[in-house]
PDB file of N, CA and C in Angstrom:
ATOM      1  N   MET A   1       0.810  -1.184   0.000  1.00  0.00           N
ATOM      2  CA  MET A   1       0.000   0.000   0.000  1.00  0.00           C
ATOM      3  C   MET A   1       0.859   1.256   0.000  1.00  0.00           C
ATOM      4  N   LYS A   2       1.963   1.208   0.791  1.00  0.00           N
ATOM      5  CA  LYS A   2       2.837   2.367   0.846  1.00  0.00           C
ATOM      6  C   LYS A   2       3.507   2.610  -0.497  1.00  0.00           C
ATOM      7  N   THR A   3       3.867   1.550  -1.171  1.00  0.00           N
ATOM      8  CA  THR A   3       4.523   1.735  -2.466  1.00  0.00           C
ATOM      9  C   THR A   3       3.549   2.330  -3.480  1.00  0.00           C
ATOM     10  N   MET A   4       2.268   2.002  -3.360  1.00  0.00           N
ATOM     11  CA  MET A   4       1.275   2.566  -4.262  1.00  0.00           C
ATOM     12  C   MET A   4       1.159   4.079  -4.068  1.00  0.00           C
ATOM     13  N   TYR A   5       1.154   4.532  -2.825  1.00  0.00           N
ATOM     14  CA  TYR A   5       1.125   5.964  -2.547  1.00  0.00           C
ATOM     15  C   TYR A   5       2.378   6.655  -3.078  1.00  0.00           C
ATOM     16  N   LYS A   6       3.514   5.997  -2.930  1.00  0.00           N
ATOM     17  CA  LYS A   6       4.761   6.568  -3.438  1.00  0.00           C
ATOM     18  C   LYS A   6       4.711   6.702  -4.956  1.00  0.00           C
ATOM     19  N   VAL A   7       4.150   5.727  -5.624  1.00  0.00           N
ATOM     20  CA  VAL A   7       4.037   5.781  -7.083  1.00  0.00           C
ATOM     21  C   VAL A   7       3.093   6.913  -7.491  1.00  0.00           C
ATOM     22  N   ILE A   8       1.977   7.046  -6.779  1.00  0.00           N
ATOM     23  CA  ILE A   8       1.016   8.118  -7.090  1.00  0.00           C
ATOM     24  C   ILE A   8       1.644   9.480  -6.861  1.00  0.00           C
ATOM     25  N   VAL A   9       2.371   9.646  -5.766  1.00  0.00           N
ATOM     26  CA  VAL A   9       3.037  10.927  -5.479  1.00  0.00           C
ATOM     27  C   VAL A   9       4.086  11.227  -6.534  1.00  0.00           C
ATOM     28  N   ALA A  10       4.833  10.201  -6.943  1.00  0.00           N
ATOM     29  CA  ALA A  10       5.855  10.407  -7.974  1.00  0.00           C
ATOM     30  C   ALA A  10       5.214  10.807  -9.289  1.00  0.00           C
ATOM     31  N   MET A  11       4.096  10.215  -9.627  1.00  0.00           N
ATOM     32  CA  MET A  11       3.403  10.574 -10.869  1.00  0.00           C
ATOM     33  C   MET A  11       2.850  12.000 -10.806  1.00  0.00           C
ATOM     34  N   MET A  12       2.350  12.394  -9.651  1.00  0.00           N
ATOM     35  CA  MET A  12       1.836  13.760  -9.498  1.00  0.00           C
ATOM     36  C   MET A  12       2.959  14.777  -9.613  1.00  0.00           C
ATOM     37  N   ILE A  13       4.079  14.517  -8.994  1.00  0.00           N
ATOM     38  CA  ILE A  13       5.226  15.427  -9.089  1.00  0.00           C
ATOM     39  C   ILE A  13       5.693  15.527 -10.527  1.00  0.00           C
ATOM     40  N   LEU A  14       5.756  14.399 -11.221  1.00  0.00           N
ATOM     41  CA  LEU A  14       6.165  14.396 -12.619  1.00  0.00           C
ATOM     42  C   LEU A  14       5.180  15.199 -13.469  1.00  0.00           C
ATOM     43  N   ALA A  15       3.881  15.048 -13.189  1.00  0.00           N
ATOM     44  CA  ALA A  15       2.873  15.784 -13.955  1.00  0.00           C
ATOM     45  C   ALA A  15       2.946  17.278 -13.690  1.00  0.00           C
ATOM     46  N   ILE A  16       3.189  17.649 -12.440  1.00  0.00           N
ATOM     47  CA  ILE A  16       3.263  19.067 -12.096  1.00  0.00           C
ATOM     48  C   ILE A  16       4.489  19.719 -12.710  1.00  0.00           C
ATOM     49  N   THR A  17       5.616  19.022 -12.696  1.00  0.00           N
ATOM     50  CA  THR A  17       6.851  19.628 -13.208  1.00  0.00           C
ATOM     51  C   THR A  17       6.903  19.661 -14.722  1.00  0.00           C
ATOM     52  N   THR A  18       6.247  18.728 -15.398  1.00  0.00           N
ATOM     53  CA  THR A  18       6.318  18.703 -16.860  1.00  0.00           C
ATOM     54  C   THR A  18       5.127  19.389 -17.515  1.00  0.00           C
ATOM     55  N   ALA A  19       4.127  19.765 -16.769  1.00  0.00           N
ATOM     56  CA  ALA A  19       2.934  20.386 -17.347  1.00  0.00           C
ATOM     57  C   ALA A  19       3.241  21.678 -18.095  1.00  0.00           C
ATOM     58  N   PRO A  20       4.114  22.568 -17.589  1.00  0.00           N
ATOM     59  CA  PRO A  20       4.391  23.788 -18.353  1.00  0.00           C
ATOM     60  C   PRO A  20       5.047  23.521 -19.703  1.00  0.00           C
ATOM     61  N   VAL A  21       5.773  22.420 -19.815  1.00  0.00           N
ATOM     62  CA  VAL A  21       6.418  22.094 -21.086  1.00  0.00           C
ATOM     63  C   VAL A  21       5.369  21.729 -22.123  1.00  0.00           C
ATOM     64  N   PHE A  22       4.346  21.001 -21.711  1.00  0.00           N
ATOM     65  CA  PHE A  22       3.311  20.554 -22.631  1.00  0.00           C
ATOM     66  C   PHE A  22       2.183  21.576 -22.790  1.00  0.00           C
ATOM     67  N   ALA A  23       2.236  22.659 -22.036  1.00  0.00           N
ATOM     68  CA  ALA A  23       1.153  23.639 -22.076  1.00  0.00           C
ATOM     69  C   ALA A  23       1.143  24.449 -23.356  1.00  0.00           C
ATOM     70  N   GLY A  24       2.205  24.405 -24.114  1.00  0.00           N
ATOM     71  CA  GLY A  24       2.226  25.120 -25.379  1.00  0.00           C
ATOM     72  C   GLY A  24       2.718  26.543 -25.233  1.00  0.00           C
ATOM     73  N   ASN A  25       3.734  26.758 -24.450  1.00  0.00           N
ATOM     74  CA  ASN A  25       4.317  28.081 -24.301  1.00  0.00           C
ATOM     75  C   ASN A  25       5.076  28.393 -25.579  1.00  0.00           C
ATOM     76  N   LYS A  26       4.502  29.210 -26.443  1.00  0.00           N
ATOM     77  CA  LYS A  26       5.048  29.426 -27.769  1.00  0.00           C
ATOM     78  C   LYS A  26       5.809  30.739 -27.891  1.00  0.00           C
ATOM     79  N   VAL A  27       6.470  31.160 -26.852  1.00  0.00           N
ATOM     80  CA  VAL A  27       7.245  32.392 -26.905  1.00  0.00           C
ATOM     81  C   VAL A  27       8.596  32.073 -27.519  1.00  0.00           C
ATOM     82  N   ASP A  28       8.886  32.738 -28.623  1.00  0.00           N
ATOM     83  CA  ASP A  28      10.173  32.537 -29.279  1.00  0.00           C
ATOM     84  C   ASP A  28      11.121  33.625 -28.799  1.00  0.00           C
ATOM     85  N   ARG A  29      12.065  33.256 -27.979  1.00  0.00           N
ATOM     86  CA  ARG A  29      12.963  34.228 -27.376  1.00  0.00           C
ATOM     87  C   ARG A  29      14.016  34.747 -28.355  1.00  0.00           C
ATOM     88  N   LYS A  30      14.241  34.039 -29.440  1.00  0.00           N
ATOM     89  CA  LYS A  30      15.242  34.465 -30.419  1.00  0.00           C
ATOM     90  C   LYS A  30      14.678  35.487 -31.398  1.00  0.00           C
ATOM     91  N   LYS A  31      13.365  35.540 -31.495  1.00  0.00           N
ATOM     92  CA  LYS A  31      12.731  36.446 -32.445  1.00  0.00           C
ATOM     93  C   LYS A  31      12.829  37.883 -31.947  1.00  0.00           C
ATOM     94  N   LYS A  32      13.200  38.791 -32.835  1.00  0.00           N
ATOM     95  CA  LYS A  32      13.326  40.199 -32.467  1.00  0.00           C
ATOM     96  C   LYS A  32      11.941  40.839 -32.425  1.00  0.00           C
ATOM     97  N   PRO A  33      11.736  41.774 -31.484  1.00  0.00           N
ATOM     98  CA  PRO A  33      10.431  42.436 -31.422  1.00  0.00           C
ATOM     99  C   PRO A  33      10.211  43.323 -32.645  1.00  0.00           C
ATOM    100  N   VAL A  34       8.979  43.385 -33.069  1.00  0.00           N
ATOM    101  CA  VAL A  34       8.615  44.189 -34.235  1.00  0.00           C
ATOM    102  C   VAL A  34       8.431  45.630 -33.791  1.00  0.00           C
ATOM    103  N   LYS A  35       9.071  46.551 -34.504  1.00  0.00           N
ATOM    104  CA  LYS A  35       8.909  47.964 -34.191  1.00  0.00           C
ATOM    105  C   LYS A  35       7.653  48.467 -34.881  1.00  0.00           C
ATOM    106  N   LYS A  36       6.768  49.040 -34.081  1.00  0.00           N
ATOM    107  CA  LYS A  36       5.531  49.562 -34.637  1.00  0.00           C
ATOM    108  C   LYS A  36       5.717  51.017 -35.031  1.00  0.00           C
ATOM    109  N   GLU A  37       5.114  51.367 -36.116  1.00  0.00           N
ATOM    110  CA  GLU A  37       5.202  52.735 -36.600  1.00  0.00           C
ATOM    111  C   GLU A  37       4.280  53.622 -35.777  1.00  0.00           C
ATOM    112  N   MET A  38       4.766  54.806 -35.446  1.00  0.00           N
ATOM    113  CA  MET A  38       3.966  55.746 -34.656  1.00  0.00           C
ATOM    114  C   MET A  38       2.806  56.248 -35.508  1.00  0.00           C
ATOM    115  N   VAL A  39       1.630  56.249 -34.919  1.00  0.00           N
ATOM    116  CA  VAL A  39       0.427  56.700 -35.606  1.00  0.00           C
ATOM    117  C   VAL A  39      -0.073  57.948 -34.894  1.00  0.00           C
ATOM    118  N   ASP A  40      -0.395  58.985 -35.648  1.00  0.00           N
ATOM    119  CA  ASP A  40      -0.935  60.200 -35.072  1.00  0.00           C
ATOM    120  C   ASP A  40      -2.406  59.964 -34.764  1.00  0.00           C
ATOM    121  N   ARG A  41      -2.747  59.919 -33.480  1.00  0.00           N
ATOM    122  CA  ARG A  41      -4.113  59.624 -33.090  1.00  0.00           C
ATOM    123  C   ARG A  41      -4.944  60.880 -32.875  1.00  0.00           C
ATOM    124  N   ARG A  42      -4.353  62.036 -33.027  1.00  0.00           N
ATOM    125  CA  ARG A  42      -5.122  63.260 -32.844  1.00  0.00           C
ATOM    126  C   ARG A  42      -6.054  63.458 -34.031  1.00  0.00           C
ATOM    127  N   PRO A  43      -7.256  63.906 -33.793  1.00  0.00           N
ATOM    128  CA  PRO A  43      -8.162  64.159 -34.917  1.00  0.00           C
ATOM    129  C   PRO A  43      -7.717  65.395 -35.690  1.00  0.00           C
ATOM    130  N   ASP A  44      -8.231  65.525 -36.854  1.00  0.00           N
ATOM    131  CA  ASP A  44      -7.900  66.671 -37.683  1.00  0.00           C
ATOM    132  C   ASP A  44      -8.487  67.925 -37.052  1.00  0.00           C
ATOM    133  N   ARG A  45      -7.634  68.785 -36.549  1.00  0.00           N
ATOM    134  CA  ARG A  45      -8.099  69.968 -35.826  1.00  0.00           C
ATOM    135  C   ARG A  45      -8.713  71.009 -36.755  1.00  0.00           C
ATOM    136  N   ARG A  46      -8.280  71.029 -38.001  1.00  0.00           N
ATOM    137  CA  ARG A  46      -8.863  71.997 -38.924  1.00  0.00           C
ATOM    138  C   ARG A  46     -10.339  71.703 -39.154  1.00  0.00           C
ATOM    139  N   ALA A  47     -10.686  70.421 -39.250  1.00  0.00           N
ATOM    140  CA  ALA A  47     -12.096  70.061 -39.458  1.00  0.00           C
ATOM    141  C   ALA A  47     -12.930  70.475 -38.249  1.00  0.00           C
ATOM    142  N   ASP A  48     -12.375  70.307 -37.046  1.00  0.00           N
ATOM    143  CA  ASP A  48     -13.096  70.718 -35.846  1.00  0.00           C
ATOM    144  C   ASP A  48     -13.275  72.230 -35.813  1.00  0.00           C
ATOM    145  N   ARG A  49     -12.235  72.966 -36.206  1.00  0.00           N
ATOM    146  CA  ARG A  49     -12.324  74.420 -36.195  1.00  0.00           C
ATOM    147  C   ARG A  49     -13.351  74.892 -37.219  1.00  0.00           C
ATOM    148  N   ASP A  50     -13.429  74.207 -38.372  1.00  0.00           N
ATOM    149  CA  ASP A  50     -14.403  74.579 -39.387  1.00  0.00           C
ATOM    150  C   ASP A  50     -15.827  74.322 -38.913  1.00  0.00           C
ATOM    151  N   ARG A  51     -16.009  73.275 -38.106  1.00  0.00           N
ATOM    152  CA  ARG A  51     -17.334  72.960 -37.584  1.00  0.00           C
ATOM    153  C   ARG A  51     -17.708  73.846 -36.400  1.00  0.00           C
ATOM    154  N   GLY A  52     -16.757  74.552 -35.845  1.00  0.00           N
ATOM    155  CA  GLY A  52     -17.032  75.414 -34.711  1.00  0.00           C
ATOM    156  C   GLY A  52     -16.895  74.714 -33.378  1.00  0.00           C
ATOM    157  N   TRP A  53     -16.279  73.526 -33.358  1.00  0.00           N
ATOM    158  CA  TRP A  53     -16.091  72.806 -32.111  1.00  0.00           C
ATOM    159  C   TRP A  53     -14.861  73.303 -31.404  1.00  0.00           C
ATOM    160  N   ASN A  54     -14.913  73.358 -30.122  1.00  0.00           N
ATOM    161  CA  ASN A  54     -13.768  73.795 -29.321  1.00  0.00           C
ATOM    162  C   ASN A  54     -13.228  72.585 -28.577  1.00  0.00           C
ATOM    163  N   ARG A  55     -12.026  72.171 -28.898  1.00  0.00           N
ATOM    164  CA  ARG A  55     -11.411  71.029 -28.230  1.00  0.00           C
ATOM    165  C   ARG A  55     -10.284  71.492 -27.315  1.00  0.00           C
ATOM    166  N   ASP A  56     -10.444  72.642 -26.736  1.00  0.00           N
ATOM    167  CA  ASP A  56      -9.433  73.165 -25.840  1.00  0.00           C
ATOM    168  C   ASP A  56      -9.473  72.381 -24.537  1.00  0.00           C
ATOM    169  N   ARG A  57      -8.329  71.894 -24.084  1.00  0.00           N
ATOM    170  CA  ARG A  57      -8.320  71.094 -22.861  1.00  0.00           C
ATOM    171  C   ARG A  57      -8.528  71.940 -21.618  1.00  0.00           C
ATOM    172  N   HIS A  58      -8.372  73.250 -21.739  1.00  0.00           N
ATOM    173  CA  HIS A  58      -8.569  74.140 -20.605  1.00  0.00           C
ATOM    174  C   HIS A  58      -9.964  74.760 -20.614  1.00  0.00           C
ATOM    175  N   ALA A  59     -10.854  74.196 -21.375  1.00  0.00           N
ATOM    176  CA  ALA A  59     -12.212  74.727 -21.436  1.00  0.00           C
ATOM    177  C   ALA A  59     -12.913  74.481 -20.103  1.00  0.00           C
ATOM    178  N   ALA A  60     -13.874  75.308 -19.816  1.00  0.00           N
ATOM    179  CA  ALA A  60     -14.590  75.213 -18.545  1.00  0.00           C
ATOM    180  C   ALA A  60     -15.417  73.936 -18.506  1.00  0.00           C
ATOM    181  N   ALA A  61     -15.320  73.245 -17.392  1.00  0.00           N
ATOM    182  CA  ALA A  61     -16.120  72.042 -17.181  1.00  0.00           C
ATOM    183  C   ALA A  61     -17.302  72.440 -16.299  1.00  0.00           C
ATOM    184  N   ILE A  62     -18.360  72.897 -16.921  1.00  0.00           N
ATOM    185  CA  ILE A  62     -19.515  73.397 -16.191  1.00  0.00           C
ATOM    186  C   ILE A  62     -20.331  72.209 -15.680  1.00  0.00           C
ATOM    187  N   GLU A  63     -20.616  72.218 -14.386  1.00  0.00           N
ATOM    188  CA  GLU A  63     -21.429  71.172 -13.771  1.00  0.00           C
ATOM    189  C   GLU A  63     -22.520  71.819 -12.931  1.00  0.00           C
ATOM    190  N   VAL A  64     -23.583  71.082 -12.723  1.00  0.00           N
ATOM    191  CA  VAL A  64     -24.715  71.553 -11.928  1.00  0.00           C
ATOM    192  C   VAL A  64     -24.928  70.564 -10.789  1.00  0.00           C
ATOM    193  N   ILE A  65     -25.089  71.097  -9.590  1.00  0.00           N
ATOM    194  CA  ILE A  65     -25.339  70.260  -8.422  1.00  0.00           C
ATOM    195  C   ILE A  65     -26.577  70.791  -7.714  1.00  0.00           C
ATOM    196  N   SER A  66     -27.428  69.881  -7.288  1.00  0.00           N
ATOM    197  CA  SER A  66     -28.610  70.242  -6.509  1.00  0.00           C
ATOM    198  C   SER A  66     -28.581  69.451  -5.219  1.00  0.00           C
ATOM    199  N   PHE A  67     -28.840  70.129  -4.120  1.00  0.00           N
ATOM    200  CA  PHE A  67     -28.844  69.436  -2.835  1.00  0.00           C
ATOM    201  C   PHE A  67     -29.793  70.137  -1.889  1.00  0.00           C
ATOM    202  N   LYS A  68     -30.232  69.385  -0.884  1.00  0.00           N
ATOM    203  CA  LYS A  68     -31.154  69.908   0.112  1.00  0.00           C
ATOM    204  C   LYS A  68     -30.344  70.553   1.226  1.00  0.00           C
ATOM    205  N   VAL A  69     -30.751  71.746   1.621  1.00  0.00           N
ATOM    206  CA  VAL A  69     -30.065  72.487   2.682  1.00  0.00           C
ATOM    207  C   VAL A  69     -30.755  72.181   4.001  1.00  0.00           C
ATOM    208  N   SER A  70     -29.967  71.944   5.020  1.00  0.00           N
ATOM    209  CA  SER A  70     -30.540  71.622   6.329  1.00  0.00           C
ATOM    210  C   SER A  70     -31.291  72.827   6.888  1.00  0.00           C
ATOM    211  N   PRO A  71     -32.275  72.592   7.730  1.00  0.00           N
ATOM    212  CA  PRO A  71     -33.035  73.713   8.312  1.00  0.00           C
ATOM    213  C   PRO A  71     -32.160  74.655   9.118  1.00  0.00           C
ATOM    214  N   LYS A  72     -31.152  74.110   9.782  1.00  0.00           N
ATOM    215  CA  LYS A  72     -30.257  74.956  10.567  1.00  0.00           C
ATOM    216  C   LYS A  72     -29.469  75.896   9.660  1.00  0.00           C
ATOM    217  N   ALA A  73     -28.975  75.378   8.543  1.00  0.00           N
ATOM    218  CA  ALA A  73     -28.210  76.220   7.619  1.00  0.00           C
ATOM    219  C   ALA A  73     -29.103  77.198   6.879  1.00  0.00           C
ATOM    220  N   SER A  74     -30.363  76.814   6.616  1.00  0.00           N
ATOM    221  CA  SER A  74     -31.249  77.702   5.866  1.00  0.00           C
ATOM    222  C   SER A  74     -31.701  78.902   6.689  1.00  0.00           C
ATOM    223  N   LYS A  75     -31.548  78.841   8.004  1.00  0.00           N
ATOM    224  CA  LYS A  75     -31.907  79.981   8.843  1.00  0.00           C
ATOM    225  C   LYS A  75     -30.838  81.063   8.843  1.00  0.00           C
ATOM    226  N   LYS A  76     -29.627  80.727   8.397  1.00  0.00           N
ATOM    227  CA  LYS A  76     -28.572  81.734   8.325  1.00  0.00           C
ATOM    228  C   LYS A  76     -28.916  82.735   7.237  1.00  0.00           C
ATOM    229  N   ARG A  77     -28.492  83.947   7.449  1.00  0.00           N
ATOM    230  CA  ARG A  77     -28.878  85.018   6.554  1.00  0.00           C
ATOM    231  C   ARG A  77     -28.006  85.064   5.298  1.00  0.00           C
ATOM    232  N   ASN A  78     -26.724  84.725   5.394  1.00  0.00           N
ATOM    233  CA  ASN A  78     -25.804  84.987   4.290  1.00  0.00           C
ATOM    234  C   ASN A  78     -25.255  83.720   3.627  1.00  0.00           C
ATOM    235  N   PHE A  79     -25.936  82.591   3.741  1.00  0.00           N
ATOM    236  CA  PHE A  79     -25.353  81.379   3.175  1.00  0.00           C
ATOM    237  C   PHE A  79     -25.392  81.375   1.649  1.00  0.00           C
ATOM    238  N   VAL A  80     -26.357  82.039   1.040  1.00  0.00           N
ATOM    239  CA  VAL A  80     -26.396  82.132  -0.423  1.00  0.00           C
ATOM    240  C   VAL A  80     -25.267  83.029  -0.912  1.00  0.00           C
ATOM    241  N   ALA A  81     -24.998  84.102  -0.193  1.00  0.00           N
ATOM    242  CA  ALA A  81     -23.902  85.005  -0.570  1.00  0.00           C
ATOM    243  C   ALA A  81     -22.548  84.312  -0.427  1.00  0.00           C
ATOM    244  N   LYS A  82     -22.419  83.442   0.563  1.00  0.00           N
ATOM    245  CA  LYS A  82     -21.165  82.697   0.724  1.00  0.00           C
ATOM    246  C   LYS A  82     -20.907  81.789  -0.469  1.00  0.00           C
ATOM    247  N   VAL A  83     -21.957  81.123  -0.956  1.00  0.00           N
ATOM    248  CA  VAL A  83     -21.804  80.240  -2.106  1.00  0.00           C
ATOM    249  C   VAL A  83     -21.497  81.048  -3.362  1.00  0.00           C
ATOM    250  N   GLU A  84     -22.147  82.203  -3.523  1.00  0.00           N
ATOM    251  CA  GLU A  84     -21.883  83.048  -4.696  1.00  0.00           C
ATOM    252  C   GLU A  84     -20.464  83.585  -4.700  1.00  0.00           C
ATOM    253  N   ALA A  85     -19.864  83.739  -3.519  1.00  0.00           N
ATOM    254  CA  ALA A  85     -18.515  84.301  -3.429  1.00  0.00           C
ATOM    255  C   ALA A  85     -17.420  83.284  -3.742  1.00  0.00           C
ATOM    256  N   ILE A  86     -17.754  82.017  -3.838  1.00  0.00           N
ATOM    257  CA  ILE A  86     -16.747  80.994  -4.130  1.00  0.00           C
ATOM    258  C   ILE A  86     -16.270  81.162  -5.565  1.00  0.00           C
ATOM    259  N   HIS A  87     -14.948  81.091  -5.754  1.00  0.00           N
ATOM    260  CA  HIS A  87     -14.344  81.236  -7.079  1.00  0.00           C
ATOM    261  C   HIS A  87     -14.751  80.046  -7.956  1.00  0.00           C
ATOM    262  N   GLY A  88     -15.392  80.309  -9.067  1.00  0.00           N
ATOM    263  CA  GLY A  88     -15.815  79.262  -9.983  1.00  0.00           C
ATOM    264  C   GLY A  88     -17.314  79.044 -10.010  1.00  0.00           C
ATOM    265  N   VAL A  89     -18.041  79.616  -9.066  1.00  0.00           N
ATOM    266  CA  VAL A  89     -19.498  79.463  -9.039  1.00  0.00           C
ATOM    267  C   VAL A  89     -20.098  80.441 -10.039  1.00  0.00           C
ATOM    268  N   LYS A  90     -20.946  79.927 -10.934  1.00  0.00           N
ATOM    269  CA  LYS A  90     -21.547  80.754 -11.982  1.00  0.00           C
ATOM    270  C   LYS A  90     -22.949  81.231 -11.604  1.00  0.00           C
ATOM    271  N   ASP A  91     -23.764  80.339 -11.022  1.00  0.00           N
ATOM    272  CA  ASP A  91     -25.152  80.690 -10.743  1.00  0.00           C
ATOM    273  C   ASP A  91     -25.626  79.920  -9.521  1.00  0.00           C
ATOM    274  N   VAL A  92     -26.429  80.584  -8.682  1.00  0.00           N
ATOM    275  CA  VAL A  92     -26.994  79.965  -7.488  1.00  0.00           C
ATOM    276  C   VAL A  92     -28.499  80.215  -7.498  1.00  0.00           C
ATOM    277  N   LYS A  93     -29.267  79.137  -7.327  1.00  0.00           N
ATOM    278  CA  LYS A  93     -30.721  79.253  -7.210  1.00  0.00           C
ATOM    279  C   LYS A  93     -31.132  78.598  -5.904  1.00  0.00           C
ATOM    280  N   TRP A  94     -31.890  79.349  -5.102  1.00  0.00           N
ATOM    281  CA  TRP A  94     -32.313  78.881  -3.778  1.00  0.00           C
ATOM    282  C   TRP A  94     -33.823  78.921  -3.717  1.00  0.00           C
ATOM    283  N   SER A  95     -34.428  77.808  -3.343  1.00  0.00           N
ATOM    284  CA  SER A  95     -35.868  77.740  -3.183  1.00  0.00           C
ATOM    285  C   SER A  95     -36.182  77.558  -1.704  1.00  0.00           C
ATOM    286  N   PRO A  96     -36.674  78.611  -1.025  1.00  0.00           N
ATOM    287  CA  PRO A  96     -36.967  78.478   0.396  1.00  0.00           C
ATOM    288  C   PRO A  96     -38.113  77.515   0.693  1.00  0.00           C
ATOM    289  N   ARG A  97     -39.021  77.356  -0.227  1.00  0.00           N
ATOM    290  CA  ARG A  97     -40.165  76.474   0.002  1.00  0.00           C
ATOM    291  C   ARG A  97     -39.737  75.009   0.048  1.00  0.00           C
ATOM    292  N   THR A  98     -38.885  74.594  -0.906  1.00  0.00           N
ATOM    293  CA  THR A  98     -38.441  73.202  -0.958  1.00  0.00           C
ATOM    294  C   THR A  98     -37.106  72.980  -0.258  1.00  0.00           C
ATOM    295  N   LYS A  99     -36.452  74.066   0.150  1.00  0.00           N
ATOM    296  CA  LYS A  99     -35.128  74.011   0.805  1.00  0.00           C
ATOM    297  C   LYS A  99     -34.062  73.379  -0.104  1.00  0.00           C
ATOM    298  N   MET A 100     -34.237  73.541  -1.417  1.00  0.00           N
ATOM    299  CA  MET A 100     -33.291  72.989  -2.387  1.00  0.00           C
ATOM    300  C   MET A 100     -32.439  74.111  -2.967  1.00  0.00           C
ATOM    301  N   MET A 101     -31.151  73.845  -3.116  1.00  0.00           N
ATOM    302  CA  MET A 101     -30.229  74.800  -3.721  1.00  0.00           C
ATOM    303  C   MET A 101     -29.632  74.154  -4.968  1.00  0.00           C
ATOM    304  N   THR A 102     -29.639  74.891  -6.065  1.00  0.00           N
ATOM    305  CA  THR A 102     -29.052  74.439  -7.318  1.00  0.00           C
ATOM    306  C   THR A 102     -27.908  75.384  -7.657  1.00  0.00           C
ATOM    307  N   VAL A 103     -26.713  74.820  -7.828  1.00  0.00           N
ATOM    308  CA  VAL A 103     -25.517  75.628  -8.075  1.00  0.00           C
ATOM    309  C   VAL A 103     -24.897  75.183  -9.387  1.00  0.00           C
ATOM    310  N   THR A 104     -24.610  76.142 -10.260  1.00  0.00           N
ATOM    311  CA  THR A 104     -23.876  75.893 -11.491  1.00  0.00           C
ATOM    312  C   THR A 104     -22.454  76.394 -11.267  1.00  0.00           C
ATOM    313  N   TYR A 105     -21.463  75.512 -11.495  1.00  0.00           N
ATOM    314  CA  TYR A 105     -20.081  75.889 -11.190  1.00  0.00           C
ATOM    315  C   TYR A 105     -19.117  75.282 -12.192  1.00  0.00           C
ATOM    316  N   ASP A 106     -17.899  75.821 -12.205  1.00  0.00           N
ATOM    317  CA  ASP A 106     -16.818  75.317 -13.046  1.00  0.00           C
ATOM    318  C   ASP A 106     -16.039  74.287 -12.233  1.00  0.00           C
ATOM    319  N   ALA A 107     -16.041  73.038 -12.688  1.00  0.00           N
ATOM    320  CA  ALA A 107     -15.409  71.952 -11.938  1.00  0.00           C
ATOM    321  C   ALA A 107     -13.886  72.069 -11.908  1.00  0.00           C
ATOM    322  N   ASN A 108     -13.309  72.846 -12.823  1.00  0.00           N
ATOM    323  CA  ASN A 108     -11.851  73.033 -12.802  1.00  0.00           C
ATOM    324  C   ASN A 108     -11.418  73.991 -11.700  1.00  0.00           C
ATOM    325  N   LYS A 109     -12.340  74.825 -11.222  1.00  0.00           N
ATOM    326  CA  LYS A 109     -11.985  75.847 -10.240  1.00  0.00           C
ATOM    327  C   LYS A 109     -12.460  75.539  -8.831  1.00  0.00           C
ATOM    328  N   THR A 110     -13.531  74.794  -8.694  1.00  0.00           N
ATOM    329  CA  THR A 110     -14.055  74.459  -7.368  1.00  0.00           C
ATOM    330  C   THR A 110     -14.682  73.073  -7.420  1.00  0.00           C
ATOM    331  N   SER A 111     -15.120  72.598  -6.273  1.00  0.00           N
ATOM    332  CA  SER A 111     -15.710  71.259  -6.212  1.00  0.00           C
ATOM    333  C   SER A 111     -17.047  71.313  -5.477  1.00  0.00           C
ATOM    334  N   ALA A 112     -17.798  70.245  -5.614  1.00  0.00           N
ATOM    335  CA  ALA A 112     -19.083  70.153  -4.924  1.00  0.00           C
ATOM    336  C   ALA A 112     -18.872  70.102  -3.418  1.00  0.00           C
ATOM    337  N   ARG A 113     -17.792  69.496  -3.000  1.00  0.00           N
ATOM    338  CA  ARG A 113     -17.495  69.411  -1.578  1.00  0.00           C
ATOM    339  C   ARG A 113     -17.266  70.802  -0.975  1.00  0.00           C
ATOM    340  N   ALA A 114     -16.562  71.678  -1.699  1.00  0.00           N
ATOM    341  CA  ALA A 114     -16.313  73.024  -1.217  1.00  0.00           C
ATOM    342  C   ALA A 114     -17.612  73.844  -1.139  1.00  0.00           C
ATOM    343  N   ILE A 115     -18.492  73.608  -2.085  1.00  0.00           N
ATOM    344  CA  ILE A 115     -19.762  74.331  -2.094  1.00  0.00           C
ATOM    345  C   ILE A 115     -20.630  73.897  -0.906  1.00  0.00           C
ATOM    346  N   LYS A 116     -20.705  72.587  -0.693  1.00  0.00           N
ATOM    347  CA  LYS A 116     -21.511  72.089   0.426  1.00  0.00           C
ATOM    348  C   LYS A 116     -20.912  72.512   1.777  1.00  0.00           C
ATOM    349  N   ALA A 117     -19.588  72.616   1.846  1.00  0.00           N
ATOM    350  CA  ALA A 117     -18.955  73.057   3.085  1.00  0.00           C
ATOM    351  C   ALA A 117     -19.267  74.522   3.373  1.00  0.00           C
ATOM    352  N   ALA A 118     -19.434  75.338   2.343  1.00  0.00           N
ATOM    353  CA  ALA A 118     -19.754  76.747   2.555  1.00  0.00           C
ATOM    354  C   ALA A 118     -21.171  76.922   3.075  1.00  0.00           C
ATOM    355  N   VAL A 119     -22.047  76.008   2.754  1.00  0.00           N
ATOM    356  CA  VAL A 119     -23.435  76.106   3.198  1.00  0.00           C
ATOM    357  C   VAL A 119     -23.569  75.711   4.661  1.00  0.00           C
ATOM    358  N   LYS A 120     -22.797  74.742   5.098  1.00  0.00           N
ATOM    359  CA  LYS A 120     -22.927  74.233   6.487  1.00  0.00           C
ATOM    360  C   LYS A 120     -22.522  75.262   7.510  1.00  0.00           C
TER     361      LYS A 120
END
């Protein structure tokens, strides 16, 4: 019985060690890598300019955020003025009835987190 286990273990070790050889690893280490030609992936900018599209990477990323203002913050007198004073805020709309504030801002200059922090 012990010799049978030894034979099985020997066969398993042989299978484990030789399996990568039979797996079909077809990497040819002697073959030189192929040099790929550089391709210009930028679109034709003249066509965009003719169409009137602006592909400037520094263009304003205008975003709109709407959130509910807490009753404690809505009782403050100047919280709308604080949000308007933040650099990058374009428009602020405040509805006292629904306690909702809608802010249009430039995402490159400020963040939603900064706007919500000014309200608190």
